[in-house]
Amino acid sequence: MHSELIPLWGWILFYTLVILMLAIDLKSFGRKGQHEVSISEALRMTCVWIAVSLVFCLGIYLFYPIDPHQKALEFLTGYLIEKSLSVDNLFVFLMLFTFFGVERKYQHEVLFWGILGALILRSIFIFLGAAVVSRFEWVLAIFGVFLLYSGAKMFTHDEEKQPDPSRNIFVRVFRKLFPVTNEMHGGKFWVKTLPPTPPYMEGRDMSLHHESNTQGECVSTPLHTGRGRGEGLSFAFTPLFVALIVIETSDIAFAVDSIPAVFSVTQDPFIVLTSNIFAILGLRALYFALAAIAKYFYYLKYGLGIVLIFVGVKLLLHCHLPYVPHVEISTGLSLLVIFGTLTASILLSVVRQRKQS
C-alpha cells in the first residue's frame, strides 16, 4: 500500500476537484427538467471528460512521489478497464429508464444523483478493499476467481432475458416502507399528497379547495375536514425516485466486477480510486452519446469477457498459490492486451453493422 505517500491535503484536493467537476457537469447539462441533452452535446462532453482524465494522468506522470511513470501507466490501464465496463453498464441504465418510462429530459437529473451516490459508495469500497488486501494478500486470489466467473458469464448472458427492476429487493422493501405514486410527476422525486378520507368524514362535503402554499405550489385540500390549515399533508415518492434506487443498487453490482479488476493492475488505493472515479464521472455524458454509437458495440460484451478473464488470470498468477506458477505480467503488456481486445471488438462490431446496412 502506498496511500501514505499521498498527504491529507492531496486527498482533499482531489475530492474538491471532483465536486467542482460535478458542478460544472450539472451546469453544462442545464437545469432540472428544462433541457434535453442532444447527442452532439453529449459527444462533446464525453471528449472533455476523457481529456480531463488524461490531464490528470499527466499530473501523476509528472508529480507522483514514487515511480511516477509506472503509476501513470497503472492509472491509464485502470481507467481503460473501468471505462469499458461502464459502457456495458450504460445499456442496463437505458433498459431501466425505458422500464420506468423516464423521459429523456429528466434522465440527466437521475444520472447526476446516481453518479454522486456511486462516487461515495465506490470510495468506501475501495478504501475497505485496499485495507483488506494490504493485510490479507490472498484475497486477491478470490478476486481473480470471481473475475474468471464474471468473464465467463459475459459469453453466456442472454440479452433477450432482461431483468425485472420491480423485483429488485431494495425496491420491494422501499415500496413496503414508503408510499409511491403510480405515475410520474415531471422531474420530481417526491410530491405532496393527502391521506385517504377517514370514516367519520364519509358523506360530508368533500369538494376540493385549491390554494397555493408559501412555495407557490398548488395543494388540493378537502373542505370541512375539521383539520387546521395545511394539516394532513404527507409525501409520496415518484417512480423517478424508484428508478434512482435501482440505478444506485445496480452500480453496487457493477462495482463488484470493476473494482477487483483495477486491483489486478495496482494495489495503490490512490491510483485505484482516481482511475475508478474519473471513469464514472463522464458516464452521464457517455450515456446520452450512447444513442449514436450503440450499434457499434455489438461484440463489446465478448471483448469485456476476454478482458475480465485476462485480469483474473493475471491476479491468480500474481498470487503465490500452490501448483500455480508465479508470473508477473507487466502493466504495459496488460494495457496493450486490454486496449487491443476492446479495439478489436469494436472494429468487428463496425464490420458487422456495415454488412447489415
Protein backbone atom coordinates (compact mmCIF):
# COMPACT_ATOMS: atom_id res chain seq x y z
CA MET A 1 0.00 0.00 0.00
CA HIS A 2 1.24 3.43 -0.88
CA SER A 3 -1.60 5.59 0.39
CA GLU A 4 0.74 7.11 2.96
CA LEU A 5 2.63 8.73 0.05
CA ILE A 6 -0.35 10.99 -0.62
CA PRO A 7 -0.77 13.57 2.18
CA LEU A 8 -4.18 14.52 3.51
CA TRP A 9 -4.20 17.73 1.53
CA GLY A 10 -3.75 15.66 -1.65
CA TRP A 11 -6.91 13.66 -0.93
CA ILE A 12 -8.81 16.86 -0.06
CA LEU A 13 -7.62 18.50 -3.27
CA PHE A 14 -8.74 15.51 -5.31
CA TYR A 15 -12.24 15.40 -3.85
CA THR A 16 -12.54 19.18 -4.20
CA LEU A 17 -11.68 18.77 -7.87
CA VAL A 18 -14.31 16.04 -8.20
CA ILE A 19 -17.03 18.22 -6.62
CA LEU A 20 -16.05 21.13 -8.87
CA MET A 21 -16.24 18.94 -11.97
CA LEU A 22 -19.64 17.58 -10.92
CA ALA A 23 -20.93 21.14 -10.52
CA ILE A 24 -19.63 22.05 -13.98
CA ASP A 25 -21.18 18.91 -15.41
CA LEU A 26 -24.58 19.70 -13.88
CA LYS A 27 -24.49 23.28 -15.15
CA SER A 28 -23.37 22.16 -18.61
CA PHE A 29 -26.38 19.90 -18.96
CA GLY A 30 -28.82 22.60 -17.90
CA ARG A 31 -31.35 22.86 -15.13
CA LYS A 32 -33.61 20.10 -13.97
CA GLY A 33 -36.38 19.29 -16.42
CA GLN A 34 -35.57 22.25 -18.68
CA HIS A 35 -33.03 20.76 -21.04
CA GLU A 36 -32.91 17.65 -23.19
CA VAL A 37 -29.32 16.63 -23.86
CA SER A 38 -28.56 16.30 -27.57
CA ILE A 39 -26.27 13.61 -28.97
CA SER A 40 -23.76 16.17 -30.29
CA GLU A 41 -23.61 17.89 -26.89
CA ALA A 42 -23.12 14.54 -25.17
CA LEU A 43 -20.31 13.57 -27.54
CA ARG A 44 -18.54 16.88 -26.89
CA MET A 45 -18.84 16.45 -23.13
CA THR A 46 -17.57 12.87 -23.38
CA CYS A 47 -14.46 14.12 -25.18
CA VAL A 48 -13.99 16.80 -22.49
CA TRP A 49 -14.18 14.22 -19.68
CA ILE A 50 -11.66 11.96 -21.42
CA ALA A 51 -9.33 14.93 -21.91
CA VAL A 52 -9.61 15.89 -18.22
CA SER A 53 -8.75 12.31 -17.23
CA LEU A 54 -5.69 12.31 -19.49
CA VAL A 55 -4.54 15.63 -17.99
CA PHE A 56 -4.82 14.08 -14.52
CA CYS A 57 -2.81 11.10 -15.77
CA LEU A 58 -0.16 13.54 -16.98
CA GLY A 59 -0.13 15.10 -13.50
CA ILE A 60 0.58 11.67 -12.00
CA TYR A 61 3.36 11.17 -14.56
CA LEU A 62 4.98 14.47 -13.57
CA PHE A 63 4.37 14.76 -9.81
CA TYR A 64 3.64 11.37 -8.22
CA PRO A 65 6.11 10.93 -5.33
CA ILE A 66 7.28 7.41 -6.25
CA ASP A 67 7.77 5.71 -9.62
CA PRO A 68 5.57 8.26 -11.43
CA HIS A 69 5.96 6.67 -14.88
CA GLN A 70 4.69 3.31 -13.64
CA LYS A 71 1.86 4.92 -11.65
CA ALA A 72 0.69 6.88 -14.71
CA LEU A 73 0.61 3.64 -16.70
CA GLU A 74 -1.35 1.93 -13.92
CA PHE A 75 -3.85 4.82 -13.84
CA LEU A 76 -4.34 4.65 -17.59
CA THR A 77 -4.85 0.86 -17.54
CA GLY A 78 -7.29 1.05 -14.61
CA TYR A 79 -9.15 3.89 -16.30
CA LEU A 80 -9.48 1.91 -19.53
CA ILE A 81 -10.80 -1.17 -17.69
CA GLU A 82 -13.35 0.84 -15.71
CA LYS A 83 -14.45 2.92 -18.72
CA SER A 84 -15.01 -0.14 -20.89
CA LEU A 85 -17.00 -1.92 -18.18
CA SER A 86 -19.04 1.25 -17.65
CA VAL A 87 -20.09 1.30 -21.31
CA ASP A 88 -21.69 -2.12 -20.85
CA ASN A 89 -23.45 -0.87 -17.71
CA LEU A 90 -24.99 2.02 -19.64
CA PHE A 91 -27.11 -0.43 -21.62
CA VAL A 92 -28.63 -1.50 -18.29
CA PHE A 93 -29.40 2.15 -17.46
CA LEU A 94 -31.10 2.50 -20.86
CA MET A 95 -33.29 -0.51 -20.08
CA LEU A 96 -34.17 0.88 -16.63
CA PHE A 97 -35.27 4.25 -17.99
CA THR A 98 -37.40 2.51 -20.61
CA PHE A 99 -38.99 0.27 -17.97
CA PHE A 100 -39.89 3.18 -15.68
CA GLY A 101 -40.94 5.45 -18.56
CA VAL A 102 -38.49 8.24 -17.66
CA GLU A 103 -38.50 10.98 -20.29
CA ARG A 104 -35.14 11.82 -21.83
CA LYS A 105 -35.16 15.40 -20.46
CA TYR A 106 -35.38 14.07 -16.87
CA GLN A 107 -32.81 11.29 -17.25
CA HIS A 108 -29.77 13.52 -16.75
CA GLU A 109 -31.01 14.56 -13.30
CA VAL A 110 -31.37 10.91 -12.19
CA LEU A 111 -27.93 10.07 -13.59
CA PHE A 112 -26.36 13.01 -11.76
CA TRP A 113 -27.57 11.85 -8.35
CA GLY A 114 -26.87 8.25 -9.28
CA ILE A 115 -23.25 9.02 -10.13
CA LEU A 116 -22.87 11.14 -6.99
CA GLY A 117 -24.03 8.17 -4.91
CA ALA A 118 -21.72 5.86 -6.86
CA LEU A 119 -18.73 8.09 -6.07
CA ILE A 120 -19.45 7.85 -2.35
CA LEU A 121 -20.10 4.09 -2.35
CA ARG A 122 -17.09 3.26 -4.51
CA SER A 123 -14.80 5.39 -2.36
CA ILE A 124 -15.90 3.36 0.66
CA PHE A 125 -15.48 0.04 -1.19
CA ILE A 126 -12.01 0.93 -2.47
CA PHE A 127 -10.69 2.10 0.91
CA LEU A 128 -12.03 -1.05 2.56
CA GLY A 129 -10.71 -3.25 -0.24
CA ALA A 130 -7.26 -1.67 -0.09
CA ALA A 131 -7.13 -2.15 3.70
CA VAL A 132 -8.15 -5.82 3.39
CA VAL A 133 -5.70 -6.55 0.55
CA SER A 134 -2.81 -4.92 2.46
CA ARG A 135 -3.41 -7.29 5.40
CA PHE A 136 -4.59 -10.41 3.57
CA GLU A 137 -2.98 -10.64 0.14
CA TRP A 138 -4.66 -13.99 -0.53
CA VAL A 139 -7.90 -12.02 -1.06
CA LEU A 140 -6.52 -11.15 -4.49
CA ALA A 141 -6.86 -14.83 -5.41
CA ILE A 142 -10.58 -14.63 -4.56
CA PHE A 143 -10.82 -11.54 -6.75
CA GLY A 144 -9.13 -13.46 -9.56
CA VAL A 145 -11.54 -16.41 -9.37
CA PHE A 146 -14.52 -14.07 -9.29
CA LEU A 147 -13.25 -12.21 -12.36
CA LEU A 148 -12.89 -15.51 -14.23
CA TYR A 149 -16.50 -16.28 -13.35
CA SER A 150 -17.69 -12.79 -14.41
CA GLY A 151 -15.80 -13.05 -17.69
CA ALA A 152 -17.34 -16.44 -18.47
CA LYS A 153 -20.81 -15.04 -17.76
CA MET A 154 -20.29 -12.43 -20.50
CA PHE A 155 -20.26 -15.24 -23.08
CA THR A 156 -23.37 -16.98 -21.74
CA HIS A 157 -25.51 -13.93 -20.94
CA ASP A 158 -28.88 -13.98 -22.68
CA GLU A 159 -29.59 -10.43 -23.89
CA GLU A 160 -33.26 -11.24 -24.59
CA LYS A 161 -33.80 -12.17 -20.93
CA GLN A 162 -33.90 -8.73 -19.30
CA PRO A 163 -34.04 -8.41 -15.51
CA ASP A 164 -37.26 -7.07 -13.98
CA PRO A 165 -36.42 -3.92 -11.93
CA SER A 166 -39.66 -4.30 -9.97
CA ARG A 167 -38.24 -7.48 -8.41
CA ASN A 168 -35.22 -5.62 -7.05
CA ILE A 169 -35.09 -6.38 -3.30
CA PHE A 170 -34.35 -2.75 -2.43
CA VAL A 171 -37.33 -1.54 -4.49
CA ARG A 172 -39.66 -4.08 -2.88
CA VAL A 173 -38.58 -3.10 0.64
CA PHE A 174 -38.82 0.61 -0.22
CA ARG A 175 -42.35 0.24 -1.57
CA LYS A 176 -43.41 -1.51 1.64
CA LEU A 177 -41.96 1.23 3.83
CA PHE A 178 -42.92 4.33 1.84
CA PRO A 179 -45.83 5.39 -0.41
CA VAL A 180 -45.04 5.55 -4.12
CA THR A 181 -47.23 7.20 -6.76
CA ASN A 182 -48.38 5.26 -9.81
CA GLU A 183 -47.45 7.99 -12.26
CA MET A 184 -44.59 10.37 -12.96
CA HIS A 185 -44.73 13.98 -11.79
CA GLY A 186 -42.33 15.59 -14.22
CA GLY A 187 -38.82 15.68 -12.80
CA LYS A 188 -39.89 15.44 -9.15
CA PHE A 189 -38.61 12.70 -6.85
CA TRP A 190 -41.50 13.18 -4.41
CA VAL A 191 -44.80 15.08 -4.23
CA LYS A 192 -47.20 16.26 -1.55
CA THR A 193 -50.31 14.09 -1.15
CA LEU A 194 -53.37 13.82 1.06
CA PRO A 195 -54.20 10.76 3.17
CA PRO A 196 -57.40 8.77 2.48
CA THR A 197 -60.66 10.20 3.84
CA PRO A 198 -61.26 8.92 7.39
CA PRO A 199 -64.52 7.01 8.08
CA TYR A 200 -66.04 9.81 10.17
CA MET A 201 -65.87 12.16 7.15
CA GLU A 202 -67.83 9.88 4.79
CA GLY A 203 -70.98 11.51 3.41
CA ARG A 204 -69.77 15.05 4.14
CA ASP A 205 -68.93 17.73 1.61
CA MET A 206 -65.51 16.74 0.20
CA SER A 207 -65.32 19.25 -2.64
CA LEU A 208 -61.74 20.35 -3.21
CA HIS A 209 -60.43 23.77 -2.37
CA HIS A 210 -57.29 24.79 -4.28
CA GLU A 211 -54.82 27.19 -2.75
CA SER A 212 -51.14 27.97 -3.07
CA ASN A 213 -48.69 27.30 -0.30
CA THR A 214 -45.74 29.50 0.62
CA GLN A 215 -43.61 27.90 -2.12
CA GLY A 216 -46.21 28.72 -4.76
CA GLU A 217 -47.22 25.06 -5.17
CA CYS A 218 -50.91 24.29 -5.65
CA VAL A 219 -52.17 21.90 -2.96
CA SER A 220 -55.64 20.37 -3.03
CA THR A 221 -57.31 20.09 0.39
CA PRO A 222 -60.88 18.93 1.12
CA LEU A 223 -63.21 21.46 2.69
CA HIS A 224 -64.88 20.89 6.11
CA THR A 225 -62.39 18.26 7.23
CA GLY A 226 -62.03 19.70 10.68
CA ARG A 227 -58.25 19.96 10.20
CA GLY A 228 -56.19 23.07 10.58
CA ARG A 229 -54.90 24.78 7.50
CA GLY A 230 -52.36 22.57 5.71
CA GLU A 231 -52.73 19.72 8.22
CA GLY A 232 -52.89 16.15 6.95
CA LEU A 233 -50.42 16.71 4.09
CA SER A 234 -47.88 13.93 3.53
CA PHE A 235 -45.30 12.95 0.93
CA ALA A 236 -45.19 10.17 -1.64
CA PHE A 237 -42.20 9.23 -3.76
CA THR A 238 -42.49 9.02 -7.55
CA PRO A 239 -41.34 6.26 -9.94
CA LEU A 240 -38.45 8.60 -10.83
CA PHE A 241 -37.05 8.14 -7.31
CA VAL A 242 -37.56 4.38 -7.58
CA ALA A 243 -35.53 4.43 -10.81
CA LEU A 244 -32.77 6.23 -8.91
CA ILE A 245 -32.78 3.49 -6.25
CA VAL A 246 -32.42 0.78 -8.91
CA ILE A 247 -29.53 2.64 -10.57
CA GLU A 248 -27.73 3.06 -7.23
CA THR A 249 -28.13 -0.61 -6.30
CA SER A 250 -27.18 -1.71 -9.83
CA ASP A 251 -23.94 0.23 -9.52
CA ILE A 252 -23.08 -1.79 -6.41
CA ALA A 253 -23.27 -4.93 -8.54
CA PHE A 254 -21.18 -3.27 -11.27
CA ALA A 255 -18.52 -2.29 -8.72
CA VAL A 256 -18.09 -5.93 -7.70
CA ASP A 257 -16.62 -6.55 -11.17
CA SER A 258 -14.79 -3.32 -11.86
CA ILE A 259 -13.00 -2.67 -8.56
CA PRO A 260 -11.33 -6.12 -8.33
CA ALA A 261 -10.34 -5.72 -11.99
CA VAL A 262 -8.46 -2.50 -11.19
CA PHE A 263 -6.83 -4.18 -8.18
CA SER A 264 -5.33 -6.59 -10.70
CA VAL A 265 -3.38 -3.63 -12.10
CA THR A 266 -2.31 -1.95 -8.85
CA GLN A 267 -2.89 -2.14 -5.12
CA ASP A 268 -2.18 1.57 -4.62
CA PRO A 269 -5.52 2.91 -3.27
CA PHE A 270 -4.96 6.38 -4.72
CA ILE A 271 -4.49 5.00 -8.25
CA VAL A 272 -7.40 2.56 -7.86
CA LEU A 273 -9.70 5.29 -6.56
CA THR A 274 -8.79 8.05 -9.01
CA SER A 275 -8.90 5.82 -12.10
CA ASN A 276 -12.27 4.45 -10.99
CA ILE A 277 -13.81 7.83 -10.20
CA PHE A 278 -12.54 9.58 -13.33
CA ALA A 279 -14.01 6.76 -15.42
CA ILE A 280 -17.50 7.10 -13.95
CA LEU A 281 -17.50 10.92 -13.80
CA GLY A 282 -18.14 11.08 -17.53
CA LEU A 283 -20.84 8.40 -17.54
CA ARG A 284 -23.69 10.91 -17.72
CA ALA A 285 -22.38 12.40 -20.95
CA LEU A 286 -21.46 8.99 -22.34
CA TYR A 287 -24.98 7.69 -21.68
CA PHE A 288 -26.55 10.30 -23.95
CA ALA A 289 -23.90 9.69 -26.60
CA LEU A 290 -24.77 6.00 -26.49
CA ALA A 291 -27.79 6.53 -28.71
CA ALA A 292 -25.46 7.46 -31.56
CA ILE A 293 -22.85 4.73 -31.08
CA ALA A 294 -24.73 1.78 -29.52
CA LYS A 295 -24.83 -0.11 -32.82
CA TYR A 296 -21.02 -0.25 -32.81
CA PHE A 297 -20.85 -2.20 -29.50
CA TYR A 298 -22.49 -5.48 -30.53
CA TYR A 299 -19.36 -7.54 -29.75
CA LEU A 300 -18.27 -5.41 -26.78
CA LYS A 301 -19.58 -7.88 -24.20
CA TYR A 302 -17.31 -10.58 -25.67
CA GLY A 303 -14.36 -8.23 -25.55
CA LEU A 304 -15.18 -7.40 -21.93
CA GLY A 305 -15.42 -11.11 -21.15
CA ILE A 306 -11.91 -11.65 -22.52
CA VAL A 307 -10.63 -8.66 -20.54
CA LEU A 308 -12.13 -9.90 -17.27
CA ILE A 309 -10.72 -13.39 -17.83
CA PHE A 310 -7.30 -11.91 -18.63
CA VAL A 311 -7.15 -9.76 -15.49
CA GLY A 312 -8.45 -12.70 -13.44
CA VAL A 313 -5.62 -14.90 -14.71
CA LYS A 314 -3.20 -12.02 -14.08
CA LEU A 315 -4.28 -11.85 -10.43
CA LEU A 316 -4.00 -15.61 -9.94
CA LEU A 317 -0.53 -15.67 -11.47
CA HIS A 318 0.49 -12.77 -9.23
CA CYS A 319 -0.51 -14.61 -6.06
CA HIS A 320 1.83 -17.26 -4.70
CA LEU A 321 -0.64 -20.13 -4.95
CA PRO A 322 0.21 -23.84 -4.68
CA TYR A 323 0.62 -25.54 -8.08
CA VAL A 324 0.22 -22.20 -9.86
CA PRO A 325 3.35 -20.64 -11.38
CA HIS A 326 4.17 -17.15 -10.17
CA VAL A 327 4.27 -14.87 -13.22
CA GLU A 328 4.27 -11.08 -13.19
CA ILE A 329 2.54 -9.61 -16.24
CA SER A 330 3.74 -6.06 -16.74
CA THR A 331 1.33 -3.15 -16.71
CA GLY A 332 2.43 -2.15 -20.20
CA LEU A 333 1.59 -5.59 -21.58
CA SER A 334 -1.72 -5.54 -19.71
CA LEU A 335 -2.62 -2.17 -21.24
CA LEU A 336 -1.72 -3.46 -24.71
CA VAL A 337 -3.85 -6.61 -24.33
CA ILE A 338 -6.85 -4.73 -22.89
CA PHE A 339 -6.74 -1.93 -25.46
CA GLY A 340 -6.21 -4.36 -28.33
CA THR A 341 -9.08 -6.60 -27.24
CA LEU A 342 -11.55 -3.73 -26.86
CA THR A 343 -10.48 -2.15 -30.14
CA ALA A 344 -10.88 -5.47 -31.97
CA SER A 345 -14.38 -5.98 -30.51
CA ILE A 346 -15.47 -2.52 -31.67
CA LEU A 347 -13.94 -2.96 -35.14
CA LEU A 348 -15.72 -6.30 -35.56
CA SER A 349 -18.95 -4.59 -34.49
CA VAL A 350 -18.42 -1.89 -37.14
CA VAL A 351 -17.85 -4.52 -39.84
CA ARG A 352 -21.00 -6.37 -38.74
CA GLN A 353 -23.04 -3.15 -38.81
CA ARG A 354 -21.84 -2.25 -42.32
CA LYS A 355 -22.66 -5.70 -43.64
CA GLN A 356 -26.20 -5.40 -42.29
CA SER A 357 -26.76 -1.86 -43.60
